Amino acid sequence: MLELREFRAHYPEYEEAGVAIAGICRDKPASNLVWSQRMRLPYPVLSDQSGEAARALRVTRQFGIGGWTIDMVRRTTLLVDVDGTIAAVWGKVKVRGHAPDVLRHARALLARPRA
């Protein structure tokens, strides 16, 4: 939740830079809508209820408990280039300063000359 709030606080800077933000969560779409409205998030929070996106992005880890295997999603930030390429990954997110750090990387990516 703290990460979402930090991105909310820096949202105007992202918008000014032309950088889109979206969150993704394993909750149901209706649940995401309720708490994103409650937190007044200015960006969408998408639902990955099946975990398919998390597995495809390789941001899950499996834990064995008894005879069961549980997939847990690691808190991860991905910076995706305009062509859909993952340009940077933050797997160990420290909340304070994270949103400005991602914005710095995004601005540098946008400033790169395109072929």
C-alpha atoms as a PDB file:
ATOM      1  CA  MET A   1       0.000   0.000   0.000  1.00  0.00           C
ATOM      2  CA  LEU A   2       2.828   2.389   0.783  1.00  0.00           C
ATOM      3  CA  GLU A   3       4.223   1.977  -2.739  1.00  0.00           C
ATOM      4  CA  LEU A   4       0.839   2.882  -4.201  1.00  0.00           C
ATOM      5  CA  ARG A   5       0.698   6.012  -2.075  1.00  0.00           C
ATOM      6  CA  GLU A   6       4.188   7.093  -3.103  1.00  0.00           C
ATOM      7  CA  PHE A   7       3.341   6.681  -6.793  1.00  0.00           C
ATOM      8  CA  ARG A   8       0.113   8.619  -6.149  1.00  0.00           C
ATOM      9  CA  ALA A   9       2.097  11.469  -4.578  1.00  0.00           C
ATOM     10  CA  HIS A  10       4.437  11.645  -7.586  1.00  0.00           C
ATOM     11  CA  TYR A  11       1.751  11.024 -10.211  1.00  0.00           C
ATOM     12  CA  PRO A  12       1.725  14.634 -11.519  1.00  0.00           C
ATOM     13  CA  GLU A  13       5.458  14.353 -12.270  1.00  0.00           C
ATOM     14  CA  TYR A  14       4.914  11.100 -14.162  1.00  0.00           C
ATOM     15  CA  GLU A  15       2.032  12.635 -16.080  1.00  0.00           C
ATOM     16  CA  GLU A  16       4.122  15.698 -16.972  1.00  0.00           C
ATOM     17  CA  ALA A  17       6.915  13.406 -18.237  1.00  0.00           C
ATOM     18  CA  GLY A  18       4.425  11.405 -20.341  1.00  0.00           C
ATOM     19  CA  VAL A  19       4.943   8.215 -18.332  1.00  0.00           C
ATOM     20  CA  ALA A  20       1.923   5.983 -17.685  1.00  0.00           C
ATOM     21  CA  ILE A  21       1.512   4.143 -14.377  1.00  0.00           C
ATOM     22  CA  ALA A  22      -0.541   1.035 -13.655  1.00  0.00           C
ATOM     23  CA  GLY A  23      -0.621  -1.314 -10.708  1.00  0.00           C
ATOM     24  CA  ILE A  24      -1.435  -4.992 -10.881  1.00  0.00           C
ATOM     25  CA  CYS A  25      -2.813  -7.156  -8.101  1.00  0.00           C
ATOM     26  CA  ARG A  26      -4.139 -10.704  -7.640  1.00  0.00           C
ATOM     27  CA  ASP A  27      -7.415  -9.405  -6.156  1.00  0.00           C
ATOM     28  CA  LYS A  28     -10.710  -9.404  -8.058  1.00  0.00           C
ATOM     29  CA  PRO A  29     -11.375  -6.354 -10.275  1.00  0.00           C
ATOM     30  CA  ALA A  30     -14.218  -5.180  -8.023  1.00  0.00           C
ATOM     31  CA  SER A  31     -11.979  -5.340  -4.950  1.00  0.00           C
ATOM     32  CA  ASN A  32      -9.199  -3.434  -6.747  1.00  0.00           C
ATOM     33  CA  LEU A  33     -11.700  -0.768  -7.751  1.00  0.00           C
ATOM     34  CA  VAL A  34     -12.986  -0.324  -4.187  1.00  0.00           C
ATOM     35  CA  TRP A  35      -9.625   0.145  -2.529  1.00  0.00           C
ATOM     36  CA  SER A  36      -8.109   2.151  -5.393  1.00  0.00           C
ATOM     37  CA  GLN A  37     -11.056   4.561  -5.100  1.00  0.00           C
ATOM     38  CA  ARG A  38     -10.655   4.625  -1.319  1.00  0.00           C
ATOM     39  CA  MET A  39      -6.950   5.471  -1.751  1.00  0.00           C
ATOM     40  CA  ARG A  40      -7.811   7.986  -4.504  1.00  0.00           C
ATOM     41  CA  LEU A  41      -5.322   6.475  -6.932  1.00  0.00           C
ATOM     42  CA  PRO A  42      -5.167   8.452 -10.199  1.00  0.00           C
ATOM     43  CA  TYR A  43      -3.960   5.396 -12.142  1.00  0.00           C
ATOM     44  CA  PRO A  44      -5.528   1.993 -12.822  1.00  0.00           C
ATOM     45  CA  VAL A  45      -4.963  -1.115 -10.730  1.00  0.00           C
ATOM     46  CA  LEU A  46      -5.384  -4.152 -12.940  1.00  0.00           C
ATOM     47  CA  SER A  47      -6.437  -7.617 -11.825  1.00  0.00           C
ATOM     48  CA  ASP A  48      -4.310 -10.735 -12.323  1.00  0.00           C
ATOM     49  CA  GLN A  49      -6.663 -13.009 -10.449  1.00  0.00           C
ATOM     50  CA  SER A  50      -5.365 -16.164 -12.162  1.00  0.00           C
ATOM     51  CA  GLY A  51      -1.707 -15.221 -11.610  1.00  0.00           C
ATOM     52  CA  GLU A  52      -0.996 -15.755 -15.307  1.00  0.00           C
ATOM     53  CA  ALA A  53       0.661 -12.334 -15.766  1.00  0.00           C
ATOM     54  CA  ALA A  54       2.774 -12.758 -12.617  1.00  0.00           C
ATOM     55  CA  ARG A  55       4.032 -16.140 -13.825  1.00  0.00           C
ATOM     56  CA  ALA A  56       4.718 -14.790 -17.337  1.00  0.00           C
ATOM     57  CA  LEU A  57       6.668 -11.867 -15.852  1.00  0.00           C
ATOM     58  CA  ARG A  58       8.493 -14.271 -13.498  1.00  0.00           C
ATOM     59  CA  VAL A  59       7.614 -12.341 -10.356  1.00  0.00           C
ATOM     60  CA  THR A  60       6.317 -15.332  -8.400  1.00  0.00           C
ATOM     61  CA  ARG A  61       8.021 -17.612  -5.959  1.00  0.00           C
ATOM     62  CA  GLN A  62       6.731 -20.963  -4.797  1.00  0.00           C
ATOM     63  CA  PHE A  63       6.515 -22.184  -1.232  1.00  0.00           C
ATOM     64  CA  GLY A  64       5.831 -25.741  -0.178  1.00  0.00           C
ATOM     65  CA  ILE A  65       3.596 -26.154   2.847  1.00  0.00           C
ATOM     66  CA  GLY A  66       2.870 -29.735   3.696  1.00  0.00           C
ATOM     67  CA  GLY A  67       1.777 -31.317   0.434  1.00  0.00           C
ATOM     68  CA  TRP A  68       0.675 -27.994  -1.062  1.00  0.00           C
ATOM     69  CA  THR A  69       2.520 -25.546  -3.248  1.00  0.00           C
ATOM     70  CA  ILE A  70       1.634 -21.875  -2.982  1.00  0.00           C
ATOM     71  CA  ASP A  71       2.563 -19.201  -5.522  1.00  0.00           C
ATOM     72  CA  MET A  72       3.367 -15.854  -3.912  1.00  0.00           C
ATOM     73  CA  VAL A  73       3.819 -12.701  -5.954  1.00  0.00           C
ATOM     74  CA  ARG A  74       6.927 -10.648  -5.130  1.00  0.00           C
ATOM     75  CA  ARG A  75       6.438  -6.894  -4.990  1.00  0.00           C
ATOM     76  CA  THR A  76       8.121  -5.811  -8.174  1.00  0.00           C
ATOM     77  CA  THR A  77       8.251  -2.658 -10.269  1.00  0.00           C
ATOM     78  CA  LEU A  78       8.719  -2.972 -14.015  1.00  0.00           C
ATOM     79  CA  LEU A  79       9.608  -0.112 -16.322  1.00  0.00           C
ATOM     80  CA  VAL A  80       8.305  -0.919 -19.785  1.00  0.00           C
ATOM     81  CA  ASP A  81       9.542   0.944 -22.854  1.00  0.00           C
ATOM     82  CA  VAL A  82       7.091   2.293 -25.450  1.00  0.00           C
ATOM     83  CA  ASP A  83       7.811  -0.745 -27.642  1.00  0.00           C
ATOM     84  CA  GLY A  84       6.766  -3.130 -24.839  1.00  0.00           C
ATOM     85  CA  THR A  85      10.285  -4.149 -23.792  1.00  0.00           C
ATOM     86  CA  ILE A  86      10.966  -4.424 -20.082  1.00  0.00           C
ATOM     87  CA  ALA A  87      13.695  -1.822 -19.626  1.00  0.00           C
ATOM     88  CA  ALA A  88      14.263  -2.096 -15.859  1.00  0.00           C
ATOM     89  CA  VAL A  89      13.162  -4.269 -12.938  1.00  0.00           C
ATOM     90  CA  TRP A  90      13.120  -3.461  -9.232  1.00  0.00           C
ATOM     91  CA  GLY A  91      12.680  -6.677  -7.256  1.00  0.00           C
ATOM     92  CA  LYS A  92      13.579  -5.355  -3.836  1.00  0.00           C
ATOM     93  CA  VAL A  93      11.508  -2.233  -3.475  1.00  0.00           C
ATOM     94  CA  LYS A  94      12.332   0.244  -0.736  1.00  0.00           C
ATOM     95  CA  VAL A  95       9.280   2.463  -0.515  1.00  0.00           C
ATOM     96  CA  ARG A  96      10.884   5.772   0.381  1.00  0.00           C
ATOM     97  CA  GLY A  97      12.355   7.288  -2.749  1.00  0.00           C
ATOM     98  CA  HIS A  98      11.215   4.461  -5.019  1.00  0.00           C
ATOM     99  CA  ALA A  99       8.739   6.438  -7.156  1.00  0.00           C
ATOM    100  CA  PRO A 100      11.230   9.264  -7.861  1.00  0.00           C
ATOM    101  CA  ASP A 101      13.918   6.670  -8.682  1.00  0.00           C
ATOM    102  CA  VAL A 102      11.645   4.948 -11.202  1.00  0.00           C
ATOM    103  CA  LEU A 103      10.763   8.348 -12.680  1.00  0.00           C
ATOM    104  CA  ARG A 104      14.468   9.190 -13.122  1.00  0.00           C
ATOM    105  CA  HIS A 105      14.967   5.935 -15.018  1.00  0.00           C
ATOM    106  CA  ALA A 106      11.855   6.557 -17.127  1.00  0.00           C
ATOM    107  CA  ARG A 107      13.011  10.058 -18.056  1.00  0.00           C
ATOM    108  CA  ALA A 108      16.439   8.704 -19.042  1.00  0.00           C
ATOM    109  CA  LEU A 109      14.753   6.052 -21.163  1.00  0.00           C
ATOM    110  CA  LEU A 110      12.565   8.639 -22.869  1.00  0.00           C
ATOM    111  CA  ALA A 111      15.605  10.844 -23.547  1.00  0.00           C
ATOM    112  CA  ARG A 112      17.478   8.069 -25.375  1.00  0.00           C
ATOM    113  CA  PRO A 113      17.679   8.506 -29.139  1.00  0.00           C
ATOM    114  CA  ARG A 114      15.470   6.051 -31.025  1.00  0.00           C
ATOM    115  CA  ALA A 115      16.737   4.076 -33.996  1.00  0.00           C
END
